[in-house]
């Protein structure tokens, strides 16, 4: 009875008075004081059960839900391209984790009453929800190709059972080429026939709008127009499944001093890197992490990355890439390809040799390696990926 009373009070506050943030905070603090973790877990389970029961008895609407945890209030690349093209009833739920108690009734409602669910990352709610009759779950994973291992193949804070439960209900997964079907099926624990080589919508944007995106960067930053732009896009780091701060090993002052007047080093951090990479500000080392990675890649002369899927954007644009991997021996993820031999560029492990390798890639781009990599990993990316994704969704909506 106590659980029920507390639940009713909390749910009432969430639904009727969502703007009362201070009151909500006080209620949470009070609950933490008067009941222990075990009881709180039971209360949360009760809330979950009630919401699922309630929304599971509502009709499924002929609506597409775009669910993402990659940004707050907006869709990125793949999902946005599909959303903008799709002509039907659609709704966006875009909130980075964790999700507040105020948001959960909303996400449960949309997940349980939308005909089609489109996601571009993990949808944790699917571990405890079952798709209803007629519902479809479409994964348009945010990364191209099959490069570093992920899902069931990579270290994770989730148990194997939780990983499987997260991905097991996919109706379809979009992949960038035939060679990527097996790795994605393995990573998600699903059958290979669900992994469809239709390409990713974001690649259409790259192929169609690269010159426009490049011009927009130069319009915004006119000082870059006459420069050789070296774009540094490292990915995040983990240890035992936990994210850690990435220490680049770069002596930023030495790098700044070594850059010529016509060279500039641009830093574009991974979205979940909420800390600076350079030790201070420099006139020729600039952090543009608030700008689009796609646009910056289109504008750059050389891409510098490590284990990031941004290499696929670069290879579509024939941008030479240098792989700066000082921690390759400690990197836990593992790869689906032969690393570094199958990469479309030189691999550097010593920071002292980085600038030399960048300049060499600019003057002598490895054209054949880039072409071979693109043909092997991106064969379905022909500029029509968005159209194929939209047609698939429309077939489910009929």
Protein backbone atom coordinates (compact mmCIF):
# COMPACT_ATOMS: atom_id res chain seq x y z
CA UNK A 1 0.00 0.00 0.00
CA UNK A 2 2.87 2.35 0.85
CA UNK A 3 4.38 1.77 -2.63
CA UNK A 4 1.07 2.59 -4.26
CA UNK A 5 0.58 5.83 -2.29
CA UNK A 6 4.10 7.05 -3.04
CA UNK A 7 3.74 6.10 -6.70
CA UNK A 8 0.46 8.02 -7.05
CA UNK A 9 2.02 11.11 -5.46
CA UNK A 10 5.02 10.99 -7.79
CA UNK A 11 2.99 10.29 -10.94
CA UNK A 12 0.58 13.09 -10.09
CA UNK A 13 3.45 15.53 -9.71
CA UNK A 14 4.97 14.44 -13.04
CA UNK A 15 1.77 14.61 -15.08
CA UNK A 16 -0.07 17.56 -13.54
CA UNK A 17 2.80 19.80 -12.50
CA UNK A 18 5.82 19.09 -14.76
CA UNK A 19 7.13 22.63 -14.27
CA UNK A 20 7.58 22.30 -10.54
CA UNK A 21 11.24 21.35 -10.66
CA UNK A 22 12.04 22.46 -7.13
CA UNK A 23 9.09 20.58 -5.70
CA UNK A 24 10.07 17.48 -7.63
CA UNK A 25 13.62 17.73 -6.31
CA UNK A 26 12.33 18.04 -2.75
CA UNK A 27 10.12 14.99 -3.17
CA UNK A 28 13.05 12.97 -4.48
CA UNK A 29 15.27 14.01 -1.61
CA UNK A 30 12.54 13.22 0.89
CA UNK A 31 11.98 9.78 -0.61
CA UNK A 32 15.69 9.03 -0.45
CA UNK A 33 15.68 9.89 3.24
CA UNK A 34 12.66 7.86 4.30
CA UNK A 35 13.05 4.76 2.12
CA UNK A 36 16.09 2.69 1.21
CA UNK A 37 17.47 1.69 -2.21
CA UNK A 38 15.64 -1.63 -2.23
CA UNK A 39 12.26 -0.03 -1.69
CA UNK A 40 13.02 2.71 -4.23
CA UNK A 41 13.79 0.01 -6.80
CA UNK A 42 10.47 -1.64 -6.09
CA UNK A 43 8.69 1.68 -6.51
CA UNK A 44 10.41 2.27 -9.85
CA UNK A 45 9.47 -1.23 -10.99
CA UNK A 46 5.88 -0.51 -10.01
CA UNK A 47 5.89 2.72 -11.99
CA UNK A 48 7.31 0.87 -14.97
CA UNK A 49 4.67 -1.85 -14.73
CA UNK A 50 1.81 0.62 -14.44
CA UNK A 51 2.98 2.70 -17.39
CA UNK A 52 3.54 -0.36 -19.58
CA UNK A 53 0.14 -1.79 -18.67
CA UNK A 54 -1.62 1.51 -19.31
CA UNK A 55 -0.02 2.35 -22.65
CA UNK A 56 -0.10 -1.25 -23.92
CA UNK A 57 -3.88 -1.06 -23.86
CA UNK A 58 -3.98 2.04 -26.03
CA UNK A 59 -4.27 1.68 -29.82
CA UNK A 60 -1.09 1.66 -31.94
CA UNK A 61 -1.09 4.78 -34.10
CA UNK A 62 0.09 4.94 -37.70
CA UNK A 63 2.98 7.11 -36.55
CA UNK A 64 6.78 7.00 -36.71
CA UNK A 65 8.74 7.67 -33.53
CA UNK A 66 12.31 8.89 -33.93
CA UNK A 67 14.10 7.96 -30.72
CA UNK A 68 17.65 9.13 -30.04
CA UNK A 69 19.99 9.57 -27.09
CA UNK A 70 22.67 11.28 -29.18
CA UNK A 71 21.48 14.87 -28.70
CA UNK A 72 18.96 16.92 -26.77
CA UNK A 73 16.01 18.31 -28.69
CA UNK A 74 17.21 17.43 -32.19
CA UNK A 75 18.01 14.59 -34.56
CA UNK A 76 21.46 14.07 -36.02
CA UNK A 77 22.55 13.10 -39.55
CA UNK A 78 20.92 9.70 -40.31
CA UNK A 79 17.69 10.17 -38.41
CA UNK A 80 17.26 13.78 -39.51
CA UNK A 81 17.64 12.87 -43.19
CA UNK A 82 14.92 10.23 -42.89
CA UNK A 83 12.67 12.45 -40.76
CA UNK A 84 12.89 15.34 -43.23
CA UNK A 85 12.04 13.09 -46.20
CA UNK A 86 9.29 10.98 -44.64
CA UNK A 87 5.78 12.28 -45.25
CA UNK A 88 3.56 10.92 -42.50
CA UNK A 89 2.71 11.46 -38.84
CA UNK A 90 6.01 11.51 -36.94
CA UNK A 91 7.34 12.55 -33.58
CA UNK A 92 10.80 13.10 -32.10
CA UNK A 93 12.04 11.95 -28.71
CA UNK A 94 15.59 13.29 -28.49
CA UNK A 95 17.09 13.26 -24.99
CA UNK A 96 20.52 12.23 -23.82
CA UNK A 97 20.69 9.90 -20.82
CA UNK A 98 19.77 9.82 -18.02
CA UNK A 99 16.06 10.39 -18.54
CA UNK A 100 14.16 12.11 -15.78
CA UNK A 101 10.98 10.85 -14.18
CA UNK A 102 9.15 13.60 -16.03
CA UNK A 103 10.26 12.21 -19.40
CA UNK A 104 9.64 8.52 -18.82
CA UNK A 105 5.84 8.50 -19.15
CA UNK A 106 6.26 10.27 -22.48
CA UNK A 107 8.84 7.84 -23.87
CA UNK A 108 6.85 4.80 -22.72
CA UNK A 109 3.75 6.21 -24.41
CA UNK A 110 5.44 6.79 -27.75
CA UNK A 111 7.37 3.50 -27.73
CA UNK A 112 4.23 1.48 -27.04
CA UNK A 113 1.82 3.34 -29.35
CA UNK A 114 3.90 4.09 -32.49
CA UNK A 115 3.68 1.81 -35.52
CA UNK A 116 7.38 2.31 -36.38
CA UNK A 117 10.28 3.16 -34.09
CA UNK A 118 13.46 4.52 -35.68
CA UNK A 119 16.60 4.75 -33.58
CA UNK A 120 20.27 5.51 -34.25
CA UNK A 121 21.79 4.15 -31.03
CA UNK A 122 20.89 2.03 -28.02
CA UNK A 123 17.24 2.08 -26.97
CA UNK A 124 17.53 0.82 -23.40
CA UNK A 125 13.75 0.58 -22.92
CA UNK A 126 13.58 -2.38 -25.29
CA UNK A 127 15.24 -4.50 -22.59
CA UNK A 128 11.97 -4.46 -20.67
CA UNK A 129 9.41 -3.83 -23.42
CA UNK A 130 8.04 -6.17 -26.06
CA UNK A 131 7.01 -4.85 -29.44
CA UNK A 132 3.27 -5.03 -29.90
CA UNK A 133 1.64 -6.71 -32.88
CA UNK A 134 2.40 -4.76 -36.05
CA UNK A 135 5.14 -2.60 -34.53
CA UNK A 136 8.52 -2.33 -36.29
CA UNK A 137 11.89 -1.31 -34.85
CA UNK A 138 14.37 0.13 -37.37
CA UNK A 139 18.02 0.65 -36.39
CA UNK A 140 19.95 3.17 -38.52
CA UNK A 141 23.17 2.94 -36.52
CA UNK A 142 25.05 6.23 -36.30
CA UNK A 143 28.35 4.81 -37.59
CA UNK A 144 29.21 3.63 -41.09
CA UNK A 145 31.00 0.42 -42.00
CA UNK A 146 32.32 -2.31 -39.73
CA UNK A 147 35.46 -0.89 -38.14
CA UNK A 148 35.87 -1.13 -34.37
CA UNK A 149 33.93 -3.77 -32.48
CA UNK A 150 30.75 -2.83 -30.64
CA UNK A 151 27.68 -4.34 -29.03
CA UNK A 152 28.18 -7.96 -28.01
CA UNK A 153 31.71 -7.94 -29.41
CA UNK A 154 33.06 -5.12 -27.23
CA UNK A 155 33.62 -4.53 -23.48
CA UNK A 156 30.48 -3.12 -21.89
CA UNK A 157 28.98 -2.11 -18.58
CA UNK A 158 25.97 -4.15 -19.65
CA UNK A 159 25.70 -7.88 -19.16
CA UNK A 160 25.52 -10.08 -22.24
CA UNK A 161 21.83 -10.65 -21.49
CA UNK A 162 21.20 -6.89 -21.36
CA UNK A 163 23.03 -6.36 -24.65
CA UNK A 164 20.99 -9.08 -26.33
CA UNK A 165 17.72 -7.73 -24.92
CA UNK A 166 18.57 -4.24 -26.18
CA UNK A 167 18.98 -5.35 -29.79
CA UNK A 168 17.00 -8.58 -30.19
CA UNK A 169 13.77 -6.96 -31.43
CA UNK A 170 15.16 -5.12 -34.44
CA UNK A 171 13.00 -5.60 -37.50
CA UNK A 172 15.77 -4.25 -39.72
CA UNK A 173 19.25 -2.72 -39.42
CA UNK A 174 20.65 -0.50 -42.18
CA UNK A 175 24.29 -1.23 -43.09
CA UNK A 176 26.61 0.37 -45.62
CA UNK A 177 27.58 -2.69 -47.65
CA UNK A 178 27.28 -6.43 -48.09
CA UNK A 179 30.53 -7.02 -46.18
CA UNK A 180 29.04 -5.31 -43.10
CA UNK A 181 26.04 -7.61 -42.67
CA UNK A 182 27.83 -10.36 -40.76
CA UNK A 183 29.65 -8.05 -38.28
CA UNK A 184 26.44 -6.16 -37.45
CA UNK A 185 24.45 -9.36 -36.99
CA UNK A 186 27.17 -10.61 -34.68
CA UNK A 187 27.38 -7.35 -32.71
CA UNK A 188 23.60 -7.17 -32.21
CA UNK A 189 22.97 -10.89 -31.75
CA UNK A 190 20.43 -11.02 -34.58
CA UNK A 191 20.08 -12.96 -37.83
CA UNK A 192 22.06 -11.71 -40.81
CA UNK A 193 18.96 -11.36 -42.97
CA UNK A 194 17.81 -8.44 -40.79
CA UNK A 195 20.94 -6.46 -41.71
CA UNK A 196 20.03 -4.75 -44.97
CA UNK A 197 22.74 -3.28 -47.24
CA UNK A 198 20.79 -0.14 -48.13
CA UNK A 199 23.44 2.36 -47.05
CA UNK A 200 23.15 5.08 -44.43
CA UNK A 201 21.23 8.33 -45.07
CA UNK A 202 24.08 10.47 -43.76
CA UNK A 203 26.21 9.37 -46.72
CA UNK A 204 23.70 10.98 -49.11
CA UNK A 205 24.31 14.27 -47.32
CA UNK A 206 28.04 13.86 -47.77
CA UNK A 207 27.82 13.03 -51.46
CA UNK A 208 25.22 15.66 -52.34
CA UNK A 209 26.16 18.59 -50.13
CA UNK A 210 29.90 18.44 -49.50
CA UNK A 211 30.66 21.59 -51.49
CA UNK A 212 27.84 23.48 -49.82
CA UNK A 213 28.98 22.39 -46.35
CA UNK A 214 32.54 23.34 -47.19
CA UNK A 215 31.43 26.79 -48.36
CA UNK A 216 29.43 27.29 -45.15
CA UNK A 217 32.51 26.56 -43.03
CA UNK A 218 34.56 29.07 -45.00
CA UNK A 219 31.78 31.64 -44.80
CA UNK A 220 31.65 31.21 -41.03
CA UNK A 221 35.45 31.15 -40.64
CA UNK A 222 36.86 33.14 -43.60
CA UNK A 223 40.40 32.99 -42.16
CA UNK A 224 40.44 29.23 -42.88
CA UNK A 225 39.86 29.60 -46.60
CA UNK A 226 43.52 29.99 -47.57
CA UNK A 227 44.77 27.45 -45.01
CA UNK A 228 45.72 23.81 -45.09
CA UNK A 229 43.25 22.44 -42.56
CA UNK A 230 44.30 19.48 -40.45
CA UNK A 231 41.19 18.13 -38.71
CA UNK A 232 41.72 16.14 -35.52
CA UNK A 233 38.70 13.92 -34.69
CA UNK A 234 39.59 11.39 -31.99
CA UNK A 235 36.97 9.12 -30.48
CA UNK A 236 36.30 8.59 -26.77
CA UNK A 237 38.30 6.18 -24.62
CA UNK A 238 37.20 3.38 -22.31
CA UNK A 239 38.77 1.10 -19.75
CA UNK A 240 36.86 -1.98 -18.61
CA UNK A 241 33.74 -0.55 -20.21
CA UNK A 242 34.04 2.77 -18.33
CA UNK A 243 34.77 6.02 -20.14
CA UNK A 244 38.03 7.71 -19.26
CA UNK A 245 39.71 10.99 -20.21
CA UNK A 246 41.81 10.75 -23.35
CA UNK A 247 45.39 11.94 -22.92
CA UNK A 248 46.60 12.63 -26.45
CA UNK A 249 50.32 12.76 -25.66
CA UNK A 250 50.62 15.76 -28.00
CA UNK A 251 52.85 18.63 -26.93
CA UNK A 252 50.49 21.36 -28.03
CA UNK A 253 52.99 24.17 -27.70
CA UNK A 254 55.51 22.34 -29.91
CA UNK A 255 52.82 21.56 -32.45
CA UNK A 256 51.71 25.18 -32.54
CA UNK A 257 55.28 26.40 -33.00
CA UNK A 258 55.89 23.87 -35.81
CA UNK A 259 52.83 24.76 -37.88
CA UNK A 260 53.50 26.99 -40.88
CA UNK A 261 51.59 30.20 -41.46
CA UNK A 262 49.36 28.49 -44.02
CA UNK A 263 48.50 25.55 -41.72
CA UNK A 264 45.86 25.28 -39.01
CA UNK A 265 45.07 22.38 -36.68
CA UNK A 266 41.35 22.02 -35.93
CA UNK A 267 40.09 19.94 -33.00
CA UNK A 268 36.66 18.35 -33.24
CA UNK A 269 35.99 16.34 -30.07
CA UNK A 270 33.63 13.38 -29.90
CA UNK A 271 30.19 14.55 -28.63
CA UNK A 272 30.64 12.79 -25.27
CA UNK A 273 34.08 14.32 -24.64
CA UNK A 274 33.07 17.13 -22.30
CA UNK A 275 36.65 18.24 -21.62
CA UNK A 276 39.26 20.10 -23.71
CA UNK A 277 42.03 18.22 -25.48
CA UNK A 278 44.54 21.06 -25.88
CA UNK A 279 46.17 22.46 -22.74
CA UNK A 280 45.32 26.09 -23.63
CA UNK A 281 44.21 28.29 -26.52
CA UNK A 282 46.45 28.80 -29.55
CA UNK A 283 45.97 30.97 -32.61
CA UNK A 284 46.62 28.06 -34.98
CA UNK A 285 45.08 25.23 -32.92
CA UNK A 286 41.34 25.80 -32.73
CA UNK A 287 38.58 23.78 -31.10
CA UNK A 288 35.50 23.77 -33.35
CA UNK A 289 33.62 20.99 -31.56
CA UNK A 290 30.35 22.88 -31.84
CA UNK A 291 30.46 22.64 -35.62
CA UNK A 292 29.34 19.73 -37.78
CA UNK A 293 31.90 16.95 -38.17
CA UNK A 294 30.60 16.37 -41.70
CA UNK A 295 31.08 20.00 -42.69
CA UNK A 296 34.55 20.17 -41.17
CA UNK A 297 35.54 16.93 -42.92
CA UNK A 298 34.35 18.35 -46.23
CA UNK A 299 36.49 21.46 -45.66
CA UNK A 300 39.67 19.83 -44.35
CA UNK A 301 42.87 18.96 -46.19
CA UNK A 302 43.75 15.98 -44.01
CA UNK A 303 41.75 14.10 -41.38
CA UNK A 304 43.54 12.87 -38.25
CA UNK A 305 41.64 10.27 -36.28
CA UNK A 306 42.15 6.97 -34.50
CA UNK A 307 39.33 4.46 -34.05
CA UNK A 308 36.48 6.69 -35.19
CA UNK A 309 33.99 5.92 -37.95
CA UNK A 310 34.57 9.43 -39.30
CA UNK A 311 37.04 7.68 -41.63
CA UNK A 312 34.06 6.65 -43.75
CA UNK A 313 33.01 10.24 -44.30
CA UNK A 314 36.56 11.06 -45.31
CA UNK A 315 36.89 8.17 -47.76
CA UNK A 316 33.63 9.14 -49.50
CA UNK A 317 35.14 12.60 -50.05
CA UNK A 318 38.58 11.26 -50.95
CA UNK A 319 40.08 13.12 -47.99
CA UNK A 320 43.43 11.58 -46.95
CA UNK A 321 43.49 10.25 -43.39
CA UNK A 322 46.26 9.81 -40.84
CA UNK A 323 45.58 7.44 -37.94
CA UNK A 324 47.09 8.75 -34.71
CA UNK A 325 46.98 5.81 -32.27
CA UNK A 326 49.46 6.29 -29.40
CA UNK A 327 47.47 3.90 -27.22
CA UNK A 328 46.93 1.10 -29.74
CA UNK A 329 48.36 -1.53 -27.37
CA UNK A 330 45.90 -0.54 -24.64
CA UNK A 331 42.86 -0.06 -26.84
CA UNK A 332 40.23 -2.60 -25.75
CA UNK A 333 37.64 -2.62 -28.49
CA UNK A 334 39.25 -4.73 -31.20
CA UNK A 335 38.40 -4.45 -34.91
CA UNK A 336 36.41 -6.18 -37.62
CA UNK A 337 39.14 -5.49 -40.17
CA UNK A 338 42.88 -6.10 -40.16
CA UNK A 339 44.13 -3.10 -38.18
CA UNK A 340 46.16 -1.18 -39.28
CA UNK A 341 46.97 -2.89 -42.62
CA UNK A 342 43.51 -2.43 -44.14
CA UNK A 343 43.18 1.21 -43.14
CA UNK A 344 43.10 3.86 -45.90
CA UNK A 345 46.10 5.75 -44.52
CA UNK A 346 49.27 5.75 -42.44
CA UNK A 347 49.21 4.85 -38.74
CA UNK A 348 51.29 6.93 -36.32
CA UNK A 349 51.94 6.05 -32.68
CA UNK A 350 54.50 8.71 -31.76
CA UNK A 351 53.30 12.32 -31.37
CA UNK A 352 56.66 13.65 -32.60
CA UNK A 353 56.01 12.11 -36.04
CA UNK A 354 52.41 13.27 -36.38
CA UNK A 355 52.89 16.54 -38.24
CA UNK A 356 55.32 15.00 -40.71
CA UNK A 357 52.80 12.25 -41.52
CA UNK A 358 50.01 14.80 -41.94
CA UNK A 359 52.04 16.84 -44.40
CA UNK A 360 53.01 13.72 -46.33
CA UNK A 361 49.34 12.67 -46.60
CA UNK A 362 48.48 16.13 -47.92
CA UNK A 363 51.19 16.04 -50.58
CA UNK A 364 50.93 12.32 -51.45
CA UNK A 365 47.39 11.09 -50.72
CA UNK A 366 47.03 7.26 -50.78
CA UNK A 367 44.42 7.26 -53.54
CA UNK A 368 44.41 3.51 -54.18
CA UNK A 369 44.08 2.61 -50.48
CA UNK A 370 41.17 5.02 -50.08
CA UNK A 371 39.37 3.59 -53.12
CA UNK A 372 39.85 -0.01 -52.00
CA UNK A 373 38.57 0.78 -48.50
CA UNK A 374 35.52 2.63 -49.84
CA UNK A 375 34.57 -0.15 -52.26
CA UNK A 376 34.91 -2.79 -49.55
CA UNK A 377 32.98 -1.07 -46.77
CA UNK A 378 30.65 1.43 -48.44
CA UNK A 379 29.37 -0.31 -51.57
CA UNK A 380 25.70 0.54 -50.84
CA UNK A 381 26.34 4.26 -50.33
CA UNK A 382 25.41 5.62 -53.74
CA UNK A 383 23.43 8.72 -52.83
CA UNK A 384 20.08 6.90 -52.59
CA UNK A 385 20.24 5.51 -49.06
CA UNK A 386 17.66 7.90 -47.60
CA UNK A 387 15.17 6.99 -50.33
CA UNK A 388 15.59 3.27 -49.59
CA UNK A 389 15.18 3.80 -45.84
CA UNK A 390 12.03 5.88 -46.35
CA UNK A 391 10.51 3.31 -48.72
CA UNK A 392 11.12 0.58 -46.16
CA UNK A 393 9.35 2.58 -43.45
CA UNK A 394 6.48 3.42 -45.80
CA UNK A 395 6.03 -0.29 -46.56
CA UNK A 396 5.50 -0.91 -42.85
CA UNK A 397 3.03 1.96 -42.53
CA UNK A 398 0.58 0.58 -45.10
